[in-house]
PDB file of N, CA and C in Angstrom:
ATOM      1  N   MET A   1     -78.191-112.500 151.723  1.00  0.00           N
ATOM      2  CA  MET A   1     -79.572-112.311 151.347  1.00  0.00           C
ATOM      3  C   MET A   1     -79.797-113.025 150.018  1.00  0.00           C
ATOM      4  N   ASP A   2     -80.866-113.842 149.929  1.00  0.00           N
ATOM      5  CA  ASP A   2     -81.112-114.520 148.667  1.00  0.00           C
ATOM      6  C   ASP A   2     -81.859-113.606 147.700  1.00  0.00           C
ATOM      7  N   THR A   3     -82.036-114.093 146.464  1.00  0.00           N
ATOM      8  CA  THR A   3     -82.651-113.274 145.413  1.00  0.00           C
ATOM      9  C   THR A   3     -84.065-112.872 145.784  1.00  0.00           C
ATOM     10  N   ARG A   4     -84.825-113.783 146.379  1.00  0.00           N
ATOM     11  CA  ARG A   4     -86.218-113.495 146.777  1.00  0.00           C
ATOM     12  C   ARG A   4     -86.262-112.361 147.802  1.00  0.00           C
ATOM     13  N   GLN A   5     -85.400-112.409 148.809  1.00  0.00           N
ATOM     14  CA  GLN A   5     -85.349-111.346 149.810  1.00  0.00           C
ATOM     15  C   GLN A   5     -84.961-110.027 149.174  1.00  0.00           C
ATOM     16  N   SER A   6     -84.033-110.067 148.244  1.00  0.00           N
ATOM     17  CA  SER A   6     -83.606-108.854 147.559  1.00  0.00           C
ATOM     18  C   SER A   6     -84.758-108.251 146.761  1.00  0.00           C
ATOM     19  N   GLU A   7     -85.549-109.104 146.093  1.00  0.00           N
ATOM     20  CA  GLU A   7     -86.713-108.624 145.346  1.00  0.00           C
ATOM     21  C   GLU A   7     -87.744-108.014 146.283  1.00  0.00           C
ATOM     22  N   ASP A   8     -88.010-108.676 147.427  1.00  0.00           N
ATOM     23  CA  ASP A   8     -88.961-108.142 148.401  1.00  0.00           C
ATOM     24  C   ASP A   8     -88.501-106.794 148.921  1.00  0.00           C
ATOM     25  N   SER A   9     -87.202-106.671 149.192  1.00  0.00           N
ATOM     26  CA  SER A   9     -86.651-105.416 149.692  1.00  0.00           C
ATOM     27  C   SER A   9     -86.820-104.308 148.665  1.00  0.00           C
ATOM     28  N   SER A  10     -86.515-104.611 147.409  1.00  0.00           N
ATOM     29  CA  SER A  10     -86.672-103.610 146.353  1.00  0.00           C
ATOM     30  C   SER A  10     -88.132-103.228 146.191  1.00  0.00           C
ATOM     31  N   ASP A  11     -89.029-104.213 146.284  1.00  0.00           N
ATOM     32  CA  ASP A  11     -90.459-103.953 146.165  1.00  0.00           C
ATOM     33  C   ASP A  11     -90.932-103.084 147.331  1.00  0.00           C
ATOM     34  N   PHE A  12     -90.456-103.389 148.546  1.00  0.00           N
ATOM     35  CA  PHE A  12     -90.804-102.560 149.706  1.00  0.00           C
ATOM     36  C   PHE A  12     -90.367-101.122 149.474  1.00  0.00           C
ATOM     37  N   LYS A  13     -89.138-100.937 149.056  1.00  0.00           N
ATOM     38  CA  LYS A  13     -88.607 -99.584 148.850  1.00  0.00           C
ATOM     39  C   LYS A  13     -89.382 -98.848 147.767  1.00  0.00           C
ATOM     40  N   ARG A  14     -89.733 -99.540 146.713  1.00  0.00           N
ATOM     41  CA  ARG A  14     -90.482 -98.919 145.615  1.00  0.00           C
ATOM     42  C   ARG A  14     -91.899 -98.527 146.074  1.00  0.00           C
ATOM     43  N   ARG A  15     -92.534 -99.374 146.869  1.00  0.00           N
ATOM     44  CA  ARG A  15     -93.916 -99.133 147.297  1.00  0.00           C
ATOM     45  C   ARG A  15     -94.042 -98.156 148.467  1.00  0.00           C
ATOM     46  N   TYR A  16     -93.098 -98.192 149.405  1.00  0.00           N
ATOM     47  CA  TYR A  16     -93.291 -97.503 150.678  1.00  0.00           C
ATOM     48  C   TYR A  16     -92.300 -96.390 150.989  1.00  0.00           C
ATOM     49  N   LEU A  17     -91.300 -96.185 150.143  1.00  0.00           N
ATOM     50  CA  LEU A  17     -90.335 -95.115 150.393  1.00  0.00           C
ATOM     51  C   LEU A  17     -90.403 -94.071 149.290  1.00  0.00           C
ATOM     52  N   LYS A  18     -90.377 -92.827 149.707  1.00  0.00           N
ATOM     53  CA  LYS A  18     -90.275 -91.723 148.755  1.00  0.00           C
ATOM     54  C   LYS A  18     -89.277 -90.736 149.340  1.00  0.00           C
ATOM     55  N   ASP A  19     -88.224 -90.457 148.595  1.00  0.00           N
ATOM     56  CA  ASP A  19     -87.156 -89.563 149.055  1.00  0.00           C
ATOM     57  C   ASP A  19     -86.592 -90.007 150.404  1.00  0.00           C
ATOM     58  N   GLY A  20     -86.479 -91.327 150.599  1.00  0.00           N
ATOM     59  CA  GLY A  20     -85.902 -91.874 151.820  1.00  0.00           C
ATOM     60  C   GLY A  20     -86.827 -91.901 153.015  1.00  0.00           C
ATOM     61  N   LYS A  21     -88.079 -91.478 152.842  1.00  0.00           N
ATOM     62  CA  LYS A  21     -89.049 -91.488 153.942  1.00  0.00           C
ATOM     63  C   LYS A  21     -90.167 -92.473 153.624  1.00  0.00           C
ATOM     64  N   MET A  22     -90.671 -93.110 154.670  1.00  0.00           N
ATOM     65  CA  MET A  22     -91.784 -94.030 154.484  1.00  0.00           C
ATOM     66  C   MET A  22     -93.067 -93.239 154.271  1.00  0.00           C
ATOM     67  N   THR A  23     -93.872 -93.693 153.320  1.00  0.00           N
ATOM     68  CA  THR A  23     -95.133 -93.017 153.025  1.00  0.00           C
ATOM     69  C   THR A  23     -96.284 -93.589 153.838  1.00  0.00           C
ATOM     70  N   SER A  24     -96.164 -94.842 154.268  1.00  0.00           N
ATOM     71  CA  SER A  24     -97.186 -95.491 155.092  1.00  0.00           C
ATOM     72  C   SER A  24     -96.590 -96.755 155.705  1.00  0.00           C
ATOM     73  N   ILE A  25     -97.352 -97.360 156.599  1.00  0.00           N
ATOM     74  CA  ILE A  25     -96.950 -98.621 157.219  1.00  0.00           C
ATOM     75  C   ILE A  25     -97.515 -99.758 156.369  1.00  0.00           C
ATOM     76  N   PRO A  26     -96.691-100.697 155.951  1.00  0.00           N
ATOM     77  CA  PRO A  26     -97.195-101.810 155.137  1.00  0.00           C
ATOM     78  C   PRO A  26     -98.227-102.646 155.894  1.00  0.00           C
ATOM     79  N   SER A  27     -99.234-103.109 155.190  1.00  0.00           N
ATOM     80  CA  SER A  27    -100.230-103.982 155.810  1.00  0.00           C
ATOM     81  C   SER A  27     -99.856-105.456 155.649  1.00  0.00           C
ATOM     82  N   LYS A  28     -99.138-105.797 154.591  1.00  0.00           N
ATOM     83  CA  LYS A  28     -98.730-107.186 154.376  1.00  0.00           C
ATOM     84  C   LYS A  28     -97.497-107.507 155.210  1.00  0.00           C
ATOM     85  N   GLN A  29     -97.508-108.706 155.797  1.00  0.00           N
ATOM     86  CA  GLN A  29     -96.430-109.111 156.692  1.00  0.00           C
ATOM     87  C   GLN A  29     -95.063-109.097 156.010  1.00  0.00           C
ATOM     88  N   LYS A  30     -94.986-109.545 154.755  1.00  0.00           N
ATOM     89  CA  LYS A  30     -93.667-109.592 154.106  1.00  0.00           C
ATOM     90  C   LYS A  30     -93.076-108.192 153.976  1.00  0.00           C
ATOM     91  N   TYR A  31     -93.917-107.192 153.746  1.00  0.00           N
ATOM     92  CA  TYR A  31     -93.418-105.822 153.647  1.00  0.00           C
ATOM     93  C   TYR A  31     -93.114-105.244 155.025  1.00  0.00           C
ATOM     94  N   ARG A  32     -93.868-105.664 156.038  1.00  0.00           N
ATOM     95  CA  ARG A  32     -93.545-105.223 157.406  1.00  0.00           C
ATOM     96  C   ARG A  32     -92.182-105.761 157.824  1.00  0.00           C
ATOM     97  N   THR A  33     -91.911-107.000 157.463  1.00  0.00           N
ATOM     98  CA  THR A  33     -90.602-107.583 157.766  1.00  0.00           C
ATOM     99  C   THR A  33     -89.503-106.797 157.067  1.00  0.00           C
ATOM    100  N   GLU A  34     -89.701-106.476 155.803  1.00  0.00           N
ATOM    101  CA  GLU A  34     -88.714-105.679 155.064  1.00  0.00           C
ATOM    102  C   GLU A  34     -88.579-104.284 155.667  1.00  0.00           C
ATOM    103  N   MET A  35     -89.689-103.721 156.150  1.00  0.00           N
ATOM    104  CA  MET A  35     -89.649-102.415 156.808  1.00  0.00           C
ATOM    105  C   MET A  35     -88.743-102.481 158.039  1.00  0.00           C
ATOM    106  N   LEU A  36     -88.917-103.528 158.845  1.00  0.00           N
ATOM    107  CA  LEU A  36     -88.107-103.666 160.056  1.00  0.00           C
ATOM    108  C   LEU A  36     -86.629-103.830 159.720  1.00  0.00           C
ATOM    109  N   LEU A  37     -86.337-104.618 158.703  1.00  0.00           N
ATOM    110  CA  LEU A  37     -84.937-104.793 158.297  1.00  0.00           C
ATOM    111  C   LEU A  37     -84.349-103.482 157.790  1.00  0.00           C
ATOM    112  N   TYR A  38     -85.135-102.748 157.024  1.00  0.00           N
ATOM    113  CA  TYR A  38     -84.686-101.436 156.524  1.00  0.00           C
ATOM    114  C   TYR A  38     -84.416-100.489 157.695  1.00  0.00           C
ATOM    115  N   LEU A  39     -85.359-100.405 158.617  1.00  0.00           N
ATOM    116  CA  LEU A  39     -85.183 -99.506 159.761  1.00  0.00           C
ATOM    117  C   LEU A  39     -84.015 -99.951 160.639  1.00  0.00           C
ATOM    118  N   GLY A  40     -83.852-101.250 160.802  1.00  0.00           N
ATOM    119  CA  GLY A  40     -82.725-101.756 161.579  1.00  0.00           C
ATOM    120  C   GLY A  40     -81.388-101.368 160.974  1.00  0.00           C
ATOM    121  N   SER A  41     -81.361-101.243 159.651  1.00  0.00           N
ATOM    122  CA  SER A  41     -80.107-100.869 158.978  1.00  0.00           C
ATOM    123  C   SER A  41     -79.704 -99.422 159.258  1.00  0.00           C
ATOM    124  N   LEU A  42     -80.593 -98.653 159.850  1.00  0.00           N
ATOM    125  CA  LEU A  42     -80.284 -97.262 160.187  1.00  0.00           C
ATOM    126  C   LEU A  42     -79.435 -97.154 161.454  1.00  0.00           C
ATOM    127  N   PHE A  43     -79.314 -98.265 162.176  1.00  0.00           N
ATOM    128  CA  PHE A  43     -78.589 -98.271 163.446  1.00  0.00           C
ATOM    129  C   PHE A  43     -77.279 -99.042 163.310  1.00  0.00           C
ATOM    130  N   THR A  44     -76.287 -98.612 164.071  1.00  0.00           N
ATOM    131  CA  THR A  44     -74.952 -99.203 164.031  1.00  0.00           C
ATOM    132  C   THR A  44     -74.852-100.340 165.049  1.00  0.00           C
ATOM    133  N   PRO A  45     -74.369-101.510 164.613  1.00  0.00           N
ATOM    134  CA  PRO A  45     -74.170-102.609 165.566  1.00  0.00           C
ATOM    135  C   PRO A  45     -73.182-102.210 166.667  1.00  0.00           C
ATOM    136  N   ASP A  46     -73.338-102.812 167.813  1.00  0.00           N
ATOM    137  CA  ASP A  46     -72.436-102.608 168.956  1.00  0.00           C
ATOM    138  C   ASP A  46     -72.445-101.181 169.481  1.00  0.00           C
ATOM    139  N   ARG A  47     -73.516-100.459 169.222  1.00  0.00           N
ATOM    140  CA  ARG A  47     -73.656 -99.108 169.767  1.00  0.00           C
ATOM    141  C   ARG A  47     -74.931 -99.054 170.592  1.00  0.00           C
ATOM    142  N   ILE A  48     -74.878 -98.371 171.713  1.00  0.00           N
ATOM    143  CA  ILE A  48     -76.059 -98.184 172.553  1.00  0.00           C
ATOM    144  C   ILE A  48     -76.599 -96.788 172.288  1.00  0.00           C
ATOM    145  N   TYR A  49     -77.898 -96.714 172.041  1.00  0.00           N
ATOM    146  CA  TYR A  49     -78.577 -95.452 171.735  1.00  0.00           C
ATOM    147  C   TYR A  49     -79.490 -95.070 172.886  1.00  0.00           C
ATOM    148  N   CYS A  50     -79.566 -93.790 173.187  1.00  0.00           N
ATOM    149  CA  CYS A  50     -80.557 -93.323 174.148  1.00  0.00           C
ATOM    150  C   CYS A  50     -81.887 -93.174 173.404  1.00  0.00           C
ATOM    151  N   GLU A  51     -82.982 -93.164 174.150  1.00  0.00           N
ATOM    152  CA  GLU A  51     -84.303 -93.108 173.522  1.00  0.00           C
ATOM    153  C   GLU A  51     -84.470 -91.909 172.590  1.00  0.00           C
ATOM    154  N   PRO A  52     -84.036 -90.696 172.966  1.00  0.00           N
ATOM    155  CA  PRO A  52     -84.178 -89.569 172.034  1.00  0.00           C
ATOM    156  C   PRO A  52     -83.429 -89.766 170.709  1.00  0.00           C
ATOM    157  N   GLU A  53     -82.287 -90.463 170.738  1.00  0.00           N
ATOM    158  CA  GLU A  53     -81.556 -90.746 169.490  1.00  0.00           C
ATOM    159  C   GLU A  53     -82.357 -91.691 168.593  1.00  0.00           C
ATOM    160  N   VAL A  54     -82.934 -92.719 169.194  1.00  0.00           N
ATOM    161  CA  VAL A  54     -83.758 -93.661 168.434  1.00  0.00           C
ATOM    162  C   VAL A  54     -84.955 -92.923 167.846  1.00  0.00           C
ATOM    163  N   ASN A  55     -85.611 -92.113 168.674  1.00  0.00           N
ATOM    164  CA  ASN A  55     -86.778 -91.354 168.213  1.00  0.00           C
ATOM    165  C   ASN A  55     -86.427 -90.448 167.040  1.00  0.00           C
ATOM    166  N   ALA A  56     -85.329 -89.734 167.139  1.00  0.00           N
ATOM    167  CA  ALA A  56     -84.927 -88.802 166.077  1.00  0.00           C
ATOM    168  C   ALA A  56     -84.604 -89.551 164.787  1.00  0.00           C
ATOM    169  N   THR A  57     -83.914 -90.675 164.905  1.00  0.00           N
ATOM    170  CA  THR A  57     -83.581 -91.472 163.719  1.00  0.00           C
ATOM    171  C   THR A  57     -84.848 -91.959 163.032  1.00  0.00           C
ATOM    172  N   LEU A  58     -85.782 -92.481 163.811  1.00  0.00           N
ATOM    173  CA  LEU A  58     -87.015 -93.011 163.230  1.00  0.00           C
ATOM    174  C   LEU A  58     -87.930 -91.906 162.716  1.00  0.00           C
ATOM    175  N   GLN A  59     -87.995 -90.790 163.438  1.00  0.00           N
ATOM    176  CA  GLN A  59     -88.864 -89.687 163.016  1.00  0.00           C
ATOM    177  C   GLN A  59     -88.401 -89.086 161.688  1.00  0.00           C
ATOM    178  N   ALA A  60     -87.128 -89.207 161.383  1.00  0.00           N
ATOM    179  CA  ALA A  60     -86.621 -88.727 160.094  1.00  0.00           C
ATOM    180  C   ALA A  60     -87.160 -89.567 158.934  1.00  0.00           C
ATOM    181  N   HIS A  61     -87.734 -90.743 159.258  1.00  0.00           N
ATOM    182  CA  HIS A  61     -88.230 -91.646 158.221  1.00  0.00           C
ATOM    183  C   HIS A  61     -89.739 -91.842 158.248  1.00  0.00           C
ATOM    184  N   PHE A  62     -90.405 -91.497 159.366  1.00  0.00           N
ATOM    185  CA  PHE A  62     -91.861 -91.609 159.472  1.00  0.00           C
ATOM    186  C   PHE A  62     -92.287 -90.888 160.738  1.00  0.00           C
ATOM    187  N   GLN A  63     -93.399 -90.174 160.676  1.00  0.00           N
ATOM    188  CA  GLN A  63     -93.764 -89.326 161.814  1.00  0.00           C
ATOM    189  C   GLN A  63     -94.163 -90.107 163.066  1.00  0.00           C
ATOM    190  N   ASP A  64     -94.709 -91.306 162.910  1.00  0.00           N
ATOM    191  CA  ASP A  64     -95.102 -92.089 164.088  1.00  0.00           C
ATOM    192  C   ASP A  64     -93.915 -92.931 164.561  1.00  0.00           C
ATOM    193  N   PHE A  65     -92.920 -92.240 165.109  1.00  0.00           N
ATOM    194  CA  PHE A  65     -91.691 -92.911 165.535  1.00  0.00           C
ATOM    195  C   PHE A  65     -91.930 -93.874 166.682  1.00  0.00           C
ATOM    196  N   ALA A  66     -92.914 -93.601 167.541  1.00  0.00           N
ATOM    197  CA  ALA A  66     -93.192 -94.493 168.671  1.00  0.00           C
ATOM    198  C   ALA A  66     -93.673 -95.857 168.171  1.00  0.00           C
ATOM    199  N   TYR A  67     -94.509 -95.852 167.142  1.00  0.00           N
ATOM    200  CA  TYR A  67     -94.955 -97.118 166.543  1.00  0.00           C
ATOM    201  C   TYR A  67     -93.758 -97.888 165.982  1.00  0.00           C
ATOM    202  N   LEU A  68     -92.899 -97.198 165.253  1.00  0.00           N
ATOM    203  CA  LEU A  68     -91.735 -97.854 164.650  1.00  0.00           C
ATOM    204  C   LEU A  68     -90.796 -98.407 165.718  1.00  0.00           C
ATOM    205  N   ARG A  69     -90.589 -97.637 166.778  1.00  0.00           N
ATOM    206  CA  ARG A  69     -89.707 -98.080 167.868  1.00  0.00           C
ATOM    207  C   ARG A  69     -90.260 -99.356 168.495  1.00  0.00           C
ATOM    208  N   ARG A  70     -91.552 -99.371 168.770  1.00  0.00           N
ATOM    209  CA  ARG A  70     -92.195-100.548 169.358  1.00  0.00           C
ATOM    210  C   ARG A  70     -92.111-101.737 168.393  1.00  0.00           C
ATOM    211  N   ALA A  71     -92.340-101.493 167.105  1.00  0.00           N
ATOM    212  CA  ALA A  71     -92.277-102.568 166.111  1.00  0.00           C
ATOM    213  C   ALA A  71     -90.870-103.163 166.040  1.00  0.00           C
ATOM    214  N   LEU A  72     -89.850-102.330 166.141  1.00  0.00           N
ATOM    215  CA  LEU A  72     -88.470-102.824 166.115  1.00  0.00           C
ATOM    216  C   LEU A  72     -88.158-103.678 167.342  1.00  0.00           C
ATOM    217  N   VAL A  73     -88.682-103.298 168.491  1.00  0.00           N
ATOM    218  CA  VAL A  73     -88.476-104.093 169.712  1.00  0.00           C
ATOM    219  C   VAL A  73     -89.278-105.394 169.619  1.00  0.00           C
ATOM    220  N   ASP A  74     -90.552-105.291 169.250  1.00  0.00           N
ATOM    221  CA  ASP A  74     -91.392-106.491 169.122  1.00  0.00           C
ATOM    222  C   ASP A  74     -90.874-107.432 168.044  1.00  0.00           C
ATOM    223  N   GLY A  75     -90.306-106.877 166.983  1.00  0.00           N
ATOM    224  CA  GLY A  75     -89.773-107.674 165.882  1.00  0.00           C
ATOM    225  C   GLY A  75     -88.380-108.220 166.134  1.00  0.00           C
ATOM    226  N   ARG A  76     -87.848-107.980 167.329  1.00  0.00           N
ATOM    227  CA  ARG A  76     -86.533-108.482 167.741  1.00  0.00           C
ATOM    228  C   ARG A  76     -85.399-107.963 166.864  1.00  0.00           C
ATOM    229  N   ILE A  77     -85.542-106.706 166.421  1.00  0.00           N
ATOM    230  CA  ILE A  77     -84.462-106.023 165.706  1.00  0.00           C
ATOM    231  C   ILE A  77     -83.668-105.196 166.712  1.00  0.00           C
ATOM    232  N   LEU A  78     -84.387-104.493 167.584  1.00  0.00           N
ATOM    233  CA  LEU A  78     -83.769-103.727 168.666  1.00  0.00           C
ATOM    234  C   LEU A  78     -84.132-104.354 170.002  1.00  0.00           C
ATOM    235  N   GLU A  79     -83.214-104.261 170.931  1.00  0.00           N
ATOM    236  CA  GLU A  79     -83.452-104.628 172.329  1.00  0.00           C
ATOM    237  C   GLU A  79     -83.440-103.331 173.115  1.00  0.00           C
ATOM    238  N   ARG A  80     -84.138-103.313 174.241  1.00  0.00           N
ATOM    239  CA  ARG A  80     -84.108-102.109 175.070  1.00  0.00           C
ATOM    240  C   ARG A  80     -83.879-102.473 176.523  1.00  0.00           C
ATOM    241  N   SER A  81     -83.356-101.511 177.269  1.00  0.00           N
ATOM    242  CA  SER A  81     -83.140-101.716 178.698  1.00  0.00           C
ATOM    243  C   SER A  81     -84.496-101.789 179.393  1.00  0.00           C
ATOM    244  N   SER A  82     -84.514-102.333 180.600  1.00  0.00           N
ATOM    245  CA  SER A  82     -85.782-102.507 181.318  1.00  0.00           C
ATOM    246  C   SER A  82     -86.490-101.189 181.598  1.00  0.00           C
ATOM    247  N   ASP A  83     -85.735-100.100 181.715  1.00  0.00           N
ATOM    248  CA  ASP A  83     -86.374 -98.798 181.950  1.00  0.00           C
ATOM    249  C   ASP A  83     -86.676 -98.048 180.653  1.00  0.00           C
ATOM    250  N   GLY A  84     -86.336 -98.647 179.502  1.00  0.00           N
ATOM    251  CA  GLY A  84     -86.650 -98.052 178.206  1.00  0.00           C
ATOM    252  C   GLY A  84     -85.777 -96.874 177.817  1.00  0.00           C
ATOM    253  N   SER A  85     -84.677 -96.678 178.522  1.00  0.00           N
ATOM    254  CA  SER A  85     -83.844 -95.504 178.236  1.00  0.00           C
ATOM    255  C   SER A  85     -82.728 -95.782 177.227  1.00  0.00           C
ATOM    256  N   ARG A  86     -82.410 -97.070 176.995  1.00  0.00           N
ATOM    257  CA  ARG A  86     -81.320 -97.422 176.079  1.00  0.00           C
ATOM    258  C   ARG A  86     -81.778 -98.512 175.114  1.00  0.00           C
ATOM    259  N   TYR A  87     -81.253 -98.425 173.887  1.00  0.00           N
ATOM    260  CA  TYR A  87     -81.601 -99.376 172.823  1.00  0.00           C
ATOM    261  C   TYR A  87     -80.339 -99.797 172.091  1.00  0.00           C
ATOM    262  N   TRP A  88     -80.343-101.015 171.537  1.00  0.00           N
ATOM    263  CA  TRP A  88     -79.226-101.502 170.745  1.00  0.00           C
ATOM    264  C   TRP A  88     -79.742-102.573 169.785  1.00  0.00           C
ATOM    265  N   LEU A  89     -78.989-102.778 168.694  1.00  0.00           N
ATOM    266  CA  LEU A  89     -79.335-103.826 167.734  1.00  0.00           C
ATOM    267  C   LEU A  89     -79.094-105.188 168.355  1.00  0.00           C
ATOM    268  N   ILE A  90     -79.988-106.113 168.076  1.00  0.00           N
ATOM    269  CA  ILE A  90     -79.804-107.490 168.519  1.00  0.00           C
ATOM    270  C   ILE A  90     -78.883-108.173 167.515  1.00  0.00           C
ATOM    271  N   SER A  91     -77.859-108.843 168.010  1.00  0.00           N
ATOM    272  CA  SER A  91     -76.928-109.574 167.136  1.00  0.00           C
ATOM    273  C   SER A  91     -77.640-110.769 166.540  1.00  0.00           C
ATOM    274  N   LYS A  92     -77.472-110.936 165.247  1.00  0.00           N
ATOM    275  CA  LYS A  92     -78.110-112.080 164.556  1.00  0.00           C
ATOM    276  C   LYS A  92     -77.057-113.049 164.111  1.00  0.00           C
TER     277      LYS A  92
END
């Protein structure tokens, strides 16, 4: 991670996290990207999660877990099975 990314990440955490929970969804794209990277870091590579596990992990950080789950899939951080029952981190 370069210095600029590190600054953006720190700025995201300062603006949008309180006691480890998100206070709101960022409106600026750079903060949304940092949000997705932060949320992606909550999951272990090479592990498959069932939907309730993903929901519980995300709900611990923001009440609208369905929005976050969709954002992680759309943002290509998480992949999901065709039936939506399993999720895993996309290898980068």
